[in-house]
Amino acid sequence: MILSNGITINNKHSYTDFDLYISEKSIGLPEKEIITDTVPFMSGYYDFSNILGGSVFKERVLEYTFDLLSTSTKSLEELKTDIAMWLMNVHNAEIYDDELEGFHFVGSFESCEWAEDDEYGELKVTFRCQPFKIANEETEIVLETGTNAIDYDGLPVNLSVISTGSTSIIIGTTTINVGTTKTTLSVPLTNIGLEIGYTGAETVTLSYREEVI
């Protein structure tokens, strides 16, 4: 175990800023939302879980157990206060785990449990997060003149667009007018892919953040 490994939230690192050593952690998987119904005299049931074109998932839970040492009972109490203030402000925040390369979670602080003996303490923290890990860096696609076939085999993600001028984005029978400000499109990118064209600007760039289980 590398003692300096930790998590970063709101520009503070669990080890660098609070001397918290990770002793255990559990990164749970999200549970699929199952939506079913039946009718009288029917054997079995109807499964409507994918009625909108894809599966829906519930939140995922992250649990970290930290060890901390201090020079005195008083300094331990002061450290506990600093840690509590840090955690209480974690709401819909990006949570970076040093061992999770290229991705992060988005979630909120839910609870913590303390166990202590003089200058030694143990802290168990629970975060409730969005179901998928989110890429740290955006993937960019520069559109070419004409129709662009966007191949994609991942989870549904929101597409953003930025252009060098006022532009009409054409996705199938849908036309979306955008300016030079980065805009999120109303049509998500799914594993079915998209065919996208544009008129009115010299350069149009799409971007998205990949999401994975």
N, C-alpha and C. Protein backbone atom coordinates (compact mmCIF):
# COMPACT_ATOMS: atom_id res chain seq x y z
N MET A 1 0.84 -1.20 0.00
CA MET A 1 0.00 0.00 0.00
C MET A 1 0.87 1.25 0.00
N ILE A 2 0.58 2.20 -0.89
CA ILE A 2 1.30 3.48 -0.90
C ILE A 2 0.55 4.44 0.02
N LEU A 3 1.19 4.83 1.12
CA LEU A 3 0.48 5.59 2.15
C LEU A 3 0.00 6.94 1.64
N SER A 4 0.72 7.54 0.67
CA SER A 4 0.34 8.87 0.23
C SER A 4 -0.83 8.87 -0.74
N ASN A 5 -1.29 7.69 -1.20
CA ASN A 5 -2.47 7.65 -2.05
C ASN A 5 -3.67 8.18 -1.29
N GLY A 6 -4.55 8.84 -2.01
CA GLY A 6 -5.73 9.38 -1.33
C GLY A 6 -6.75 9.86 -2.32
N ILE A 7 -7.62 10.76 -1.85
CA ILE A 7 -8.65 11.34 -2.70
C ILE A 7 -8.54 12.86 -2.66
N THR A 8 -8.90 13.49 -3.77
CA THR A 8 -8.89 14.94 -3.87
C THR A 8 -10.31 15.43 -4.13
N ILE A 9 -10.77 16.36 -3.27
CA ILE A 9 -12.10 16.96 -3.44
C ILE A 9 -11.97 18.45 -3.11
N ASN A 10 -12.53 19.28 -3.96
CA ASN A 10 -12.50 20.73 -3.74
C ASN A 10 -11.07 21.23 -3.47
N ASN A 11 -10.14 20.72 -4.27
CA ASN A 11 -8.73 21.16 -4.22
C ASN A 11 -8.01 20.79 -2.93
N LYS A 12 -8.56 19.88 -2.16
CA LYS A 12 -7.86 19.39 -0.96
C LYS A 12 -7.67 17.88 -1.06
N HIS A 13 -6.46 17.42 -0.67
CA HIS A 13 -6.10 16.01 -0.77
C HIS A 13 -6.09 15.39 0.63
N SER A 14 -6.67 14.19 0.72
CA SER A 14 -6.83 13.56 2.03
C SER A 14 -5.51 13.34 2.76
N TYR A 15 -4.45 12.98 2.03
CA TYR A 15 -3.16 12.75 2.69
C TYR A 15 -2.35 14.04 2.82
N THR A 16 -2.23 14.78 1.71
CA THR A 16 -1.38 15.98 1.71
C THR A 16 -1.89 17.03 2.68
N ASP A 17 -3.21 17.21 2.76
CA ASP A 17 -3.77 18.28 3.60
C ASP A 17 -4.18 17.83 4.99
N PHE A 18 -4.47 16.52 5.16
CA PHE A 18 -5.02 16.08 6.45
C PHE A 18 -4.30 14.87 7.04
N ASP A 19 -3.23 14.40 6.41
CA ASP A 19 -2.48 13.23 6.89
C ASP A 19 -3.37 12.00 7.09
N LEU A 20 -4.33 11.83 6.20
CA LEU A 20 -5.22 10.66 6.28
C LEU A 20 -4.65 9.54 5.41
N TYR A 21 -4.44 8.37 6.03
CA TYR A 21 -3.93 7.21 5.32
C TYR A 21 -5.09 6.27 4.99
N ILE A 22 -5.25 5.92 3.73
CA ILE A 22 -6.32 4.99 3.36
C ILE A 22 -5.94 3.58 3.81
N SER A 23 -6.77 3.00 4.67
CA SER A 23 -6.54 1.62 5.09
C SER A 23 -7.46 0.65 4.36
N GLU A 24 -8.65 1.10 4.00
CA GLU A 24 -9.60 0.28 3.25
C GLU A 24 -10.45 1.18 2.37
N LYS A 25 -10.95 0.61 1.29
CA LYS A 25 -11.93 1.34 0.49
C LYS A 25 -12.81 0.36 -0.27
N SER A 26 -14.01 0.81 -0.56
CA SER A 26 -14.96 0.01 -1.31
C SER A 26 -15.65 0.92 -2.32
N ILE A 27 -15.48 0.61 -3.60
CA ILE A 27 -16.12 1.38 -4.67
C ILE A 27 -17.21 0.50 -5.25
N GLY A 28 -18.43 0.75 -4.84
CA GLY A 28 -19.53 -0.10 -5.24
C GLY A 28 -19.95 0.14 -6.68
N LEU A 29 -20.66 -0.83 -7.25
CA LEU A 29 -21.21 -0.70 -8.59
C LEU A 29 -22.64 -0.19 -8.51
N PRO A 30 -23.09 0.59 -9.51
CA PRO A 30 -24.46 1.08 -9.49
C PRO A 30 -25.45 -0.04 -9.76
N GLU A 31 -26.61 0.06 -9.17
CA GLU A 31 -27.66 -0.93 -9.36
C GLU A 31 -28.58 -0.49 -10.50
N LYS A 32 -28.91 -1.43 -11.38
CA LYS A 32 -29.78 -1.11 -12.51
C LYS A 32 -31.21 -0.89 -12.01
N GLU A 33 -31.86 0.12 -12.57
CA GLU A 33 -33.26 0.40 -12.25
C GLU A 33 -34.13 -0.55 -13.06
N ILE A 34 -34.85 -1.43 -12.36
CA ILE A 34 -35.73 -2.39 -13.02
C ILE A 34 -37.18 -1.91 -12.89
N ILE A 35 -37.82 -1.69 -14.03
CA ILE A 35 -39.20 -1.19 -14.05
C ILE A 35 -40.06 -2.24 -14.76
N THR A 36 -40.92 -2.90 -14.01
CA THR A 36 -41.74 -3.96 -14.59
C THR A 36 -43.21 -3.76 -14.24
N ASP A 37 -44.06 -4.42 -15.00
CA ASP A 37 -45.49 -4.40 -14.71
C ASP A 37 -46.11 -5.65 -15.33
N THR A 38 -47.30 -5.98 -14.87
CA THR A 38 -48.02 -7.11 -15.39
C THR A 38 -49.49 -6.75 -15.51
N VAL A 39 -50.26 -7.62 -16.12
CA VAL A 39 -51.70 -7.39 -16.26
C VAL A 39 -52.43 -8.65 -15.81
N PRO A 40 -53.70 -8.53 -15.46
CA PRO A 40 -54.45 -9.72 -15.03
C PRO A 40 -54.41 -10.83 -16.08
N PHE A 41 -54.28 -12.05 -15.60
CA PHE A 41 -54.29 -13.27 -16.41
C PHE A 41 -53.05 -13.43 -17.29
N MET A 42 -52.02 -12.61 -17.02
CA MET A 42 -50.77 -12.71 -17.80
C MET A 42 -49.76 -13.53 -17.03
N SER A 43 -49.06 -14.41 -17.72
CA SER A 43 -47.93 -15.11 -17.13
C SER A 43 -46.68 -14.25 -17.30
N GLY A 44 -45.96 -14.04 -16.23
CA GLY A 44 -44.76 -13.23 -16.31
C GLY A 44 -45.05 -11.74 -16.19
N TYR A 45 -44.24 -10.93 -16.86
CA TYR A 45 -44.34 -9.48 -16.71
C TYR A 45 -43.75 -8.80 -17.93
N TYR A 46 -44.05 -7.51 -18.06
CA TYR A 46 -43.41 -6.66 -19.06
C TYR A 46 -42.25 -5.92 -18.38
N ASP A 47 -41.12 -5.87 -19.08
CA ASP A 47 -39.95 -5.15 -18.57
C ASP A 47 -39.81 -3.85 -19.37
N PHE A 48 -40.06 -2.72 -18.69
CA PHE A 48 -39.99 -1.41 -19.34
C PHE A 48 -38.67 -0.68 -19.03
N SER A 49 -37.68 -1.40 -18.54
CA SER A 49 -36.45 -0.76 -18.08
C SER A 49 -35.73 0.02 -19.18
N ASN A 50 -35.85 -0.44 -20.42
CA ASN A 50 -35.14 0.21 -21.53
C ASN A 50 -36.08 0.96 -22.46
N ILE A 51 -37.22 1.38 -21.94
CA ILE A 51 -38.24 1.97 -22.80
C ILE A 51 -37.78 3.28 -23.46
N LEU A 52 -36.82 3.98 -22.83
CA LEU A 52 -36.31 5.23 -23.41
C LEU A 52 -35.04 5.01 -24.23
N GLY A 53 -34.74 3.74 -24.51
CA GLY A 53 -33.61 3.46 -25.38
C GLY A 53 -32.35 2.99 -24.69
N GLY A 54 -32.34 2.93 -23.37
CA GLY A 54 -31.17 2.47 -22.65
C GLY A 54 -31.49 2.19 -21.19
N SER A 55 -30.60 1.49 -20.53
CA SER A 55 -30.80 1.17 -19.12
C SER A 55 -30.60 2.40 -18.25
N VAL A 56 -31.28 2.42 -17.12
CA VAL A 56 -31.15 3.49 -16.14
C VAL A 56 -30.56 2.89 -14.87
N PHE A 57 -29.62 3.62 -14.26
CA PHE A 57 -28.93 3.10 -13.09
C PHE A 57 -29.12 4.01 -11.89
N LYS A 58 -29.13 3.40 -10.71
CA LYS A 58 -29.21 4.16 -9.47
C LYS A 58 -27.81 4.66 -9.09
N GLU A 59 -27.72 5.32 -7.93
CA GLU A 59 -26.44 5.87 -7.49
C GLU A 59 -25.46 4.76 -7.10
N ARG A 60 -24.18 5.11 -6.95
CA ARG A 60 -23.19 4.19 -6.44
C ARG A 60 -22.62 4.77 -5.15
N VAL A 61 -22.16 3.90 -4.28
CA VAL A 61 -21.68 4.31 -2.97
C VAL A 61 -20.17 4.07 -2.88
N LEU A 62 -19.44 5.10 -2.44
CA LEU A 62 -18.01 4.97 -2.18
C LEU A 62 -17.78 5.01 -0.68
N GLU A 63 -16.97 4.10 -0.18
CA GLU A 63 -16.63 4.08 1.24
C GLU A 63 -15.11 4.05 1.39
N TYR A 64 -14.59 4.97 2.18
CA TYR A 64 -13.16 5.03 2.46
C TYR A 64 -12.94 4.98 3.97
N THR A 65 -12.00 4.16 4.39
CA THR A 65 -11.59 4.12 5.80
C THR A 65 -10.18 4.67 5.90
N PHE A 66 -10.00 5.68 6.74
CA PHE A 66 -8.70 6.35 6.90
C PHE A 66 -8.17 6.14 8.30
N ASP A 67 -6.85 6.02 8.41
CA ASP A 67 -6.16 6.07 9.69
C ASP A 67 -5.50 7.44 9.82
N LEU A 68 -5.51 7.98 11.04
CA LEU A 68 -4.80 9.23 11.28
C LEU A 68 -4.15 9.21 12.65
N LEU A 69 -2.98 9.82 12.71
CA LEU A 69 -2.21 9.92 13.95
C LEU A 69 -1.97 11.37 14.27
N SER A 70 -1.91 11.69 15.55
CA SER A 70 -1.64 13.05 15.97
C SER A 70 -0.71 13.03 17.18
N THR A 71 -0.17 14.19 17.51
CA THR A 71 0.79 14.25 18.61
C THR A 71 0.12 14.33 19.98
N SER A 72 -1.16 14.66 20.00
CA SER A 72 -1.87 14.76 21.26
C SER A 72 -3.36 14.66 21.02
N THR A 73 -4.10 14.43 22.10
CA THR A 73 -5.56 14.37 21.98
C THR A 73 -6.12 15.69 21.48
N LYS A 74 -5.54 16.80 21.95
CA LYS A 74 -6.00 18.12 21.54
C LYS A 74 -5.80 18.33 20.04
N SER A 75 -4.61 18.00 19.53
CA SER A 75 -4.36 18.20 18.10
C SER A 75 -5.22 17.27 17.25
N LEU A 76 -5.56 16.10 17.79
CA LEU A 76 -6.44 15.18 17.08
C LEU A 76 -7.83 15.80 16.93
N GLU A 77 -8.31 16.45 17.99
CA GLU A 77 -9.62 17.10 17.92
C GLU A 77 -9.61 18.25 16.92
N GLU A 78 -8.53 18.99 16.87
CA GLU A 78 -8.42 20.08 15.90
C GLU A 78 -8.42 19.54 14.48
N LEU A 79 -7.70 18.42 14.28
CA LEU A 79 -7.65 17.81 12.96
C LEU A 79 -9.03 17.29 12.56
N LYS A 80 -9.76 16.71 13.50
CA LYS A 80 -11.11 16.23 13.22
C LYS A 80 -12.02 17.36 12.77
N THR A 81 -11.87 18.52 13.39
CA THR A 81 -12.68 19.68 13.00
C THR A 81 -12.37 20.11 11.57
N ASP A 82 -11.07 20.15 11.23
CA ASP A 82 -10.68 20.54 9.87
C ASP A 82 -11.23 19.55 8.84
N ILE A 83 -11.15 18.26 9.15
CA ILE A 83 -11.64 17.24 8.23
C ILE A 83 -13.15 17.35 8.08
N ALA A 84 -13.85 17.55 9.19
CA ALA A 84 -15.31 17.67 9.15
C ALA A 84 -15.74 18.87 8.29
N MET A 85 -15.03 19.98 8.41
CA MET A 85 -15.35 21.16 7.61
C MET A 85 -15.14 20.88 6.13
N TRP A 86 -14.10 20.14 5.81
CA TRP A 86 -13.82 19.76 4.42
C TRP A 86 -14.95 18.88 3.86
N LEU A 87 -15.34 17.88 4.63
CA LEU A 87 -16.33 16.92 4.14
C LEU A 87 -17.72 17.54 4.04
N MET A 88 -18.08 18.39 4.99
CA MET A 88 -19.43 18.95 5.00
C MET A 88 -19.73 19.78 3.76
N ASN A 89 -18.69 20.25 3.06
CA ASN A 89 -18.88 21.08 1.88
C ASN A 89 -18.82 20.28 0.57
N VAL A 90 -18.81 18.96 0.69
CA VAL A 90 -18.76 18.12 -0.51
C VAL A 90 -20.19 17.84 -0.97
N HIS A 91 -20.62 18.56 -1.99
CA HIS A 91 -21.97 18.41 -2.53
C HIS A 91 -21.91 18.50 -4.05
N ASN A 92 -22.30 17.43 -4.72
CA ASN A 92 -22.19 17.36 -6.18
C ASN A 92 -20.79 17.77 -6.63
N ALA A 93 -19.79 17.27 -5.94
CA ALA A 93 -18.40 17.65 -6.20
C ALA A 93 -17.68 16.55 -6.97
N GLU A 94 -16.61 16.94 -7.65
CA GLU A 94 -15.76 15.96 -8.33
C GLU A 94 -14.85 15.29 -7.31
N ILE A 95 -14.84 13.96 -7.31
CA ILE A 95 -14.06 13.17 -6.36
C ILE A 95 -13.00 12.40 -7.14
N TYR A 96 -11.75 12.75 -6.93
CA TYR A 96 -10.64 12.12 -7.65
C TYR A 96 -9.92 11.14 -6.74
N ASP A 97 -9.82 9.89 -7.18
CA ASP A 97 -9.09 8.85 -6.46
C ASP A 97 -7.74 8.68 -7.17
N ASP A 98 -6.64 8.78 -6.42
CA ASP A 98 -5.31 8.69 -7.02
C ASP A 98 -5.10 7.41 -7.82
N GLU A 99 -5.79 6.34 -7.45
CA GLU A 99 -5.60 5.05 -8.12
C GLU A 99 -6.54 4.87 -9.31
N LEU A 100 -7.39 5.84 -9.57
CA LEU A 100 -8.33 5.77 -10.68
C LEU A 100 -7.85 6.70 -11.78
N GLU A 101 -7.07 6.16 -12.71
CA GLU A 101 -6.41 6.98 -13.71
C GLU A 101 -7.38 7.42 -14.81
N GLY A 102 -7.45 8.73 -15.04
CA GLY A 102 -8.21 9.25 -16.17
C GLY A 102 -9.67 9.51 -15.91
N PHE A 103 -10.20 9.10 -14.76
CA PHE A 103 -11.62 9.25 -14.47
C PHE A 103 -11.83 9.72 -13.03
N HIS A 104 -13.03 10.25 -12.77
CA HIS A 104 -13.39 10.68 -11.43
C HIS A 104 -14.87 10.43 -11.20
N PHE A 105 -15.30 10.56 -9.96
CA PHE A 105 -16.70 10.43 -9.59
C PHE A 105 -17.28 11.83 -9.34
N VAL A 106 -18.59 11.93 -9.37
CA VAL A 106 -19.28 13.14 -8.95
C VAL A 106 -20.30 12.73 -7.89
N GLY A 107 -20.18 13.33 -6.72
CA GLY A 107 -21.08 12.92 -5.64
C GLY A 107 -21.03 13.85 -4.45
N SER A 108 -21.69 13.40 -3.39
CA SER A 108 -21.84 14.20 -2.18
C SER A 108 -21.46 13.39 -0.95
N PHE A 109 -20.97 14.10 0.05
CA PHE A 109 -20.71 13.47 1.35
C PHE A 109 -22.02 13.03 1.98
N GLU A 110 -22.05 11.79 2.48
CA GLU A 110 -23.26 11.29 3.12
C GLU A 110 -23.11 11.13 4.63
N SER A 111 -22.03 10.48 5.07
CA SER A 111 -21.88 10.24 6.52
C SER A 111 -20.44 9.90 6.84
N CYS A 112 -20.12 9.97 8.13
CA CYS A 112 -18.81 9.53 8.60
C CYS A 112 -18.93 8.93 9.99
N GLU A 113 -18.01 8.04 10.30
CA GLU A 113 -17.96 7.40 11.61
C GLU A 113 -16.53 7.52 12.15
N TRP A 114 -16.43 7.95 13.41
CA TRP A 114 -15.13 8.10 14.05
C TRP A 114 -14.93 7.01 15.09
N ALA A 115 -13.70 6.51 15.16
CA ALA A 115 -13.27 5.66 16.27
C ALA A 115 -11.89 6.15 16.67
N GLU A 116 -11.66 6.38 17.96
CA GLU A 116 -10.38 6.95 18.36
C GLU A 116 -9.92 6.41 19.70
N ASP A 117 -8.61 6.48 19.87
CA ASP A 117 -7.96 6.04 21.10
C ASP A 117 -6.74 6.93 21.33
N ASP A 118 -6.89 7.92 22.22
CA ASP A 118 -5.84 8.91 22.49
C ASP A 118 -5.45 9.64 21.20
N GLU A 119 -4.18 9.44 20.73
CA GLU A 119 -3.72 10.19 19.56
C GLU A 119 -4.01 9.47 18.24
N TYR A 120 -4.62 8.29 18.32
CA TYR A 120 -4.90 7.52 17.11
C TYR A 120 -6.38 7.61 16.78
N GLY A 121 -6.69 7.75 15.50
CA GLY A 121 -8.08 7.80 15.09
C GLY A 121 -8.33 7.02 13.82
N GLU A 122 -9.56 6.59 13.64
CA GLU A 122 -9.98 5.93 12.41
C GLU A 122 -11.26 6.59 11.93
N LEU A 123 -11.31 6.88 10.65
CA LEU A 123 -12.44 7.59 10.08
C LEU A 123 -12.98 6.81 8.88
N LYS A 124 -14.27 6.49 8.92
CA LYS A 124 -14.92 5.85 7.78
C LYS A 124 -15.88 6.85 7.15
N VAL A 125 -15.67 7.14 5.85
CA VAL A 125 -16.45 8.15 5.14
C VAL A 125 -17.24 7.50 4.01
N THR A 126 -18.48 7.92 3.86
CA THR A 126 -19.34 7.41 2.80
C THR A 126 -19.77 8.56 1.89
N PHE A 127 -19.60 8.35 0.58
CA PHE A 127 -20.06 9.30 -0.43
C PHE A 127 -21.13 8.62 -1.28
N ARG A 128 -22.16 9.37 -1.65
CA ARG A 128 -23.18 8.87 -2.57
C ARG A 128 -22.99 9.60 -3.89
N CYS A 129 -22.77 8.82 -4.97
CA CYS A 129 -22.31 9.41 -6.23
C CYS A 129 -23.22 9.06 -7.40
N GLN A 130 -23.02 9.81 -8.49
CA GLN A 130 -23.64 9.47 -9.75
C GLN A 130 -23.16 8.08 -10.18
N PRO A 131 -23.95 7.36 -10.99
CA PRO A 131 -23.63 5.95 -11.24
C PRO A 131 -22.34 5.70 -12.01
N PHE A 132 -21.91 6.65 -12.87
CA PHE A 132 -20.80 6.34 -13.75
C PHE A 132 -19.57 7.18 -13.44
N LYS A 133 -18.40 6.61 -13.74
CA LYS A 133 -17.16 7.36 -13.67
C LYS A 133 -17.06 8.26 -14.90
N ILE A 134 -16.55 9.47 -14.70
CA ILE A 134 -16.52 10.48 -15.76
C ILE A 134 -15.07 10.78 -16.12
N ALA A 135 -14.79 10.87 -17.42
CA ALA A 135 -13.43 11.14 -17.88
C ALA A 135 -12.96 12.52 -17.41
N ASN A 136 -11.69 12.60 -17.03
CA ASN A 136 -11.12 13.88 -16.61
C ASN A 136 -10.97 14.84 -17.79
N GLU A 137 -10.69 14.30 -18.96
CA GLU A 137 -10.46 15.12 -20.14
C GLU A 137 -11.59 14.92 -21.15
N GLU A 138 -11.89 15.99 -21.88
CA GLU A 138 -12.90 15.90 -22.93
C GLU A 138 -12.34 15.26 -24.19
N THR A 139 -13.20 14.52 -24.87
CA THR A 139 -12.90 14.04 -26.22
C THR A 139 -13.47 15.04 -27.21
N GLU A 140 -12.65 15.48 -28.17
CA GLU A 140 -13.09 16.48 -29.14
C GLU A 140 -13.18 15.88 -30.54
N ILE A 141 -14.19 16.33 -31.28
CA ILE A 141 -14.38 15.91 -32.66
C ILE A 141 -14.56 17.17 -33.51
N VAL A 142 -13.66 17.41 -34.45
CA VAL A 142 -13.79 18.54 -35.36
C VAL A 142 -14.60 18.08 -36.58
N LEU A 143 -15.74 18.71 -36.80
CA LEU A 143 -16.61 18.31 -37.90
C LEU A 143 -16.03 18.77 -39.24
N GLU A 144 -16.30 17.97 -40.26
CA GLU A 144 -15.91 18.33 -41.62
C GLU A 144 -17.14 18.78 -42.39
N THR A 145 -16.93 19.48 -43.48
CA THR A 145 -18.04 19.92 -44.32
C THR A 145 -18.80 18.71 -44.85
N GLY A 146 -20.13 18.79 -44.82
CA GLY A 146 -20.94 17.65 -45.24
C GLY A 146 -21.47 16.90 -44.02
N THR A 147 -21.85 15.67 -44.23
CA THR A 147 -22.40 14.85 -43.14
C THR A 147 -21.29 14.07 -42.46
N ASN A 148 -21.26 14.14 -41.12
CA ASN A 148 -20.27 13.44 -40.33
C ASN A 148 -20.93 12.29 -39.59
N ALA A 149 -20.45 11.08 -39.82
CA ALA A 149 -20.95 9.91 -39.09
C ALA A 149 -20.12 9.76 -37.82
N ILE A 150 -20.76 9.94 -36.66
CA ILE A 150 -20.07 9.84 -35.38
C ILE A 150 -20.27 8.43 -34.83
N ASP A 151 -19.20 7.64 -34.80
CA ASP A 151 -19.25 6.30 -34.25
C ASP A 151 -18.91 6.35 -32.76
N TYR A 152 -19.70 5.67 -31.97
CA TYR A 152 -19.53 5.74 -30.51
C TYR A 152 -20.13 4.47 -29.92
N ASP A 153 -19.40 3.82 -29.02
CA ASP A 153 -19.90 2.56 -28.46
C ASP A 153 -20.00 2.59 -26.94
N GLY A 154 -20.03 3.80 -26.36
CA GLY A 154 -20.07 3.92 -24.91
C GLY A 154 -21.46 4.21 -24.37
N LEU A 155 -21.50 4.62 -23.10
CA LEU A 155 -22.74 4.99 -22.45
C LEU A 155 -23.22 6.33 -22.99
N PRO A 156 -24.53 6.60 -22.96
CA PRO A 156 -25.04 7.88 -23.47
C PRO A 156 -24.39 9.07 -22.75
N VAL A 157 -23.98 10.07 -23.52
CA VAL A 157 -23.34 11.26 -22.96
C VAL A 157 -23.90 12.51 -23.64
N ASN A 158 -23.78 13.62 -22.95
CA ASN A 158 -24.19 14.91 -23.52
C ASN A 158 -23.09 15.43 -24.45
N LEU A 159 -23.51 15.95 -25.58
CA LEU A 159 -22.59 16.56 -26.54
C LEU A 159 -22.61 18.07 -26.38
N SER A 160 -21.42 18.67 -26.40
CA SER A 160 -21.32 20.12 -26.43
C SER A 160 -20.76 20.54 -27.77
N VAL A 161 -21.04 21.79 -28.18
CA VAL A 161 -20.56 22.28 -29.46
C VAL A 161 -20.04 23.70 -29.30
N ILE A 162 -18.95 24.00 -29.99
CA ILE A 162 -18.44 25.36 -30.05
C ILE A 162 -18.02 25.62 -31.50
N SER A 163 -18.31 26.82 -32.01
CA SER A 163 -18.04 27.11 -33.41
C SER A 163 -17.43 28.50 -33.54
N THR A 164 -16.92 28.77 -34.76
CA THR A 164 -16.29 30.06 -35.01
C THR A 164 -17.31 31.13 -35.39
N GLY A 165 -18.57 30.76 -35.48
CA GLY A 165 -19.61 31.72 -35.81
C GLY A 165 -20.98 31.11 -35.59
N SER A 166 -22.02 31.87 -35.87
CA SER A 166 -23.39 31.34 -35.74
C SER A 166 -23.55 30.15 -36.66
N THR A 167 -24.12 29.08 -36.10
CA THR A 167 -24.14 27.80 -36.81
C THR A 167 -25.47 27.09 -36.62
N SER A 168 -25.89 26.38 -37.65
CA SER A 168 -27.03 25.47 -37.55
C SER A 168 -26.50 24.04 -37.55
N ILE A 169 -26.69 23.35 -36.43
CA ILE A 169 -26.28 21.95 -36.31
C ILE A 169 -27.45 21.09 -36.76
N ILE A 170 -27.21 20.17 -37.67
CA ILE A 170 -28.27 19.34 -38.23
C ILE A 170 -28.04 17.89 -37.83
N ILE A 171 -28.96 17.36 -37.03
CA ILE A 171 -28.88 15.97 -36.58
C ILE A 171 -30.17 15.28 -37.02
N GLY A 172 -30.09 14.50 -38.08
CA GLY A 172 -31.29 13.88 -38.62
C GLY A 172 -32.26 14.95 -39.10
N THR A 173 -33.46 14.95 -38.53
CA THR A 173 -34.47 15.96 -38.89
C THR A 173 -34.48 17.13 -37.92
N THR A 174 -33.54 17.14 -36.98
CA THR A 174 -33.48 18.19 -35.95
C THR A 174 -32.42 19.22 -36.30
N THR A 175 -32.77 20.48 -36.24
CA THR A 175 -31.83 21.57 -36.46
C THR A 175 -31.70 22.38 -35.18
N ILE A 176 -30.46 22.61 -34.74
CA ILE A 176 -30.19 23.34 -33.50
C ILE A 176 -29.30 24.52 -33.84
N ASN A 177 -29.76 25.73 -33.55
CA ASN A 177 -28.98 26.93 -33.83
C ASN A 177 -28.13 27.29 -32.63
N VAL A 178 -26.84 27.50 -32.86
CA VAL A 178 -25.91 27.84 -31.77
C VAL A 178 -25.04 29.00 -32.21
N GLY A 179 -24.44 29.66 -31.21
CA GLY A 179 -23.51 30.75 -31.48
C GLY A 179 -22.10 30.33 -31.14
N THR A 180 -21.25 31.30 -30.78
CA THR A 180 -19.86 31.00 -30.49
C THR A 180 -19.65 30.58 -29.03
N THR A 181 -20.69 30.67 -28.22
CA THR A 181 -20.60 30.20 -26.83
C THR A 181 -20.78 28.69 -26.79
N LYS A 182 -19.98 28.02 -26.00
CA LYS A 182 -20.09 26.56 -25.90
C LYS A 182 -21.49 26.19 -25.42
N THR A 183 -22.14 25.29 -26.16
CA THR A 183 -23.54 24.95 -25.92
C THR A 183 -23.70 23.44 -25.83
N THR A 184 -24.54 22.98 -24.90
CA THR A 184 -24.87 21.56 -24.80
C THR A 184 -26.05 21.25 -25.71
N LEU A 185 -25.88 20.27 -26.57
CA LEU A 185 -26.93 19.91 -27.51
C LEU A 185 -28.03 19.11 -26.81
N SER A 186 -29.24 19.23 -27.31
CA SER A 186 -30.38 18.54 -26.71
C SER A 186 -30.45 17.08 -27.12
N VAL A 187 -29.66 16.70 -28.13
CA VAL A 187 -29.65 15.32 -28.60
C VAL A 187 -28.39 14.64 -28.04
N PRO A 188 -28.52 13.61 -27.19
CA PRO A 188 -27.33 12.97 -26.61
C PRO A 188 -26.65 12.06 -27.62
N LEU A 189 -25.39 11.77 -27.36
CA LEU A 189 -24.63 10.80 -28.15
C LEU A 189 -24.80 9.43 -27.51
N THR A 190 -25.28 8.46 -28.28
CA THR A 190 -25.51 7.11 -27.77
C THR A 190 -24.71 6.11 -28.60
N ASN A 191 -24.79 4.83 -28.18
CA ASN A 191 -24.04 3.81 -28.92
C ASN A 191 -24.63 3.52 -30.30
N ILE A 192 -25.76 4.15 -30.63
CA ILE A 192 -26.29 4.05 -31.99
C ILE A 192 -25.51 4.98 -32.92
N GLY A 193 -24.86 6.00 -32.33
CA GLY A 193 -24.12 6.96 -33.12
C GLY A 193 -25.03 8.05 -33.66
N LEU A 194 -24.44 9.04 -34.32
CA LEU A 194 -25.20 10.14 -34.89
C LEU A 194 -24.63 10.52 -36.25
N GLU A 195 -25.48 11.09 -37.10
CA GLU A 195 -25.02 11.73 -38.33
C GLU A 195 -25.26 13.22 -38.17
N ILE A 196 -24.18 13.99 -38.23
CA ILE A 196 -24.25 15.42 -37.91
C ILE A 196 -23.67 16.25 -39.05
N GLY A 197 -24.40 17.28 -39.44
CA GLY A 197 -23.92 18.25 -40.40
C GLY A 197 -24.04 19.65 -39.83
N TYR A 198 -23.54 20.66 -40.55
CA TYR A 198 -23.65 22.03 -40.06
C TYR A 198 -23.58 22.99 -41.23
N THR A 199 -24.10 24.19 -40.98
CA THR A 199 -23.98 25.27 -41.96
C THR A 199 -23.71 26.57 -41.21
N GLY A 200 -22.95 27.46 -41.83
CA GLY A 200 -22.82 28.81 -41.29
C GLY A 200 -21.52 29.16 -40.63
N ALA A 201 -20.68 28.20 -40.28
CA ALA A 201 -19.42 28.52 -39.60
C ALA A 201 -18.27 27.80 -40.30
N GLU A 202 -17.07 28.34 -40.15
CA GLU A 202 -15.91 27.70 -40.77
C GLU A 202 -15.49 26.44 -40.00
N THR A 203 -15.52 26.54 -38.68
CA THR A 203 -15.06 25.41 -37.87
C THR A 203 -16.08 25.12 -36.77
N VAL A 204 -16.44 23.83 -36.61
CA VAL A 204 -17.35 23.39 -35.56
C VAL A 204 -16.70 22.21 -34.84
N THR A 205 -16.64 22.31 -33.52
CA THR A 205 -16.02 21.26 -32.72
C THR A 205 -17.03 20.72 -31.71
N LEU A 206 -17.21 19.41 -31.72
CA LEU A 206 -18.03 18.74 -30.71
C LEU A 206 -17.12 18.22 -29.60
N SER A 207 -17.68 18.12 -28.40
CA SER A 207 -16.90 17.56 -27.30
C SER A 207 -17.82 16.82 -26.33
N TYR A 208 -17.26 15.84 -25.65
CA TYR A 208 -18.01 15.11 -24.63
C TYR A 208 -17.02 14.49 -23.64
N ARG A 209 -17.51 14.15 -22.49
CA ARG A 209 -16.73 13.43 -21.50
C ARG A 209 -17.22 12.00 -21.44
N GLU A 210 -16.35 11.07 -21.72
CA GLU A 210 -16.73 9.66 -21.69
C GLU A 210 -17.16 9.24 -20.29
N GLU A 211 -18.17 8.38 -20.21
CA GLU A 211 -18.62 7.83 -18.94
C GLU A 211 -18.55 6.31 -19.01
N VAL A 212 -18.05 5.70 -17.94
CA VAL A 212 -17.90 4.24 -17.89
C VAL A 212 -18.40 3.73 -16.54
N ILE A 213 -18.69 2.43 -16.51
CA ILE A 213 -19.07 1.81 -15.23
C ILE A 213 -17.87 1.77 -14.31
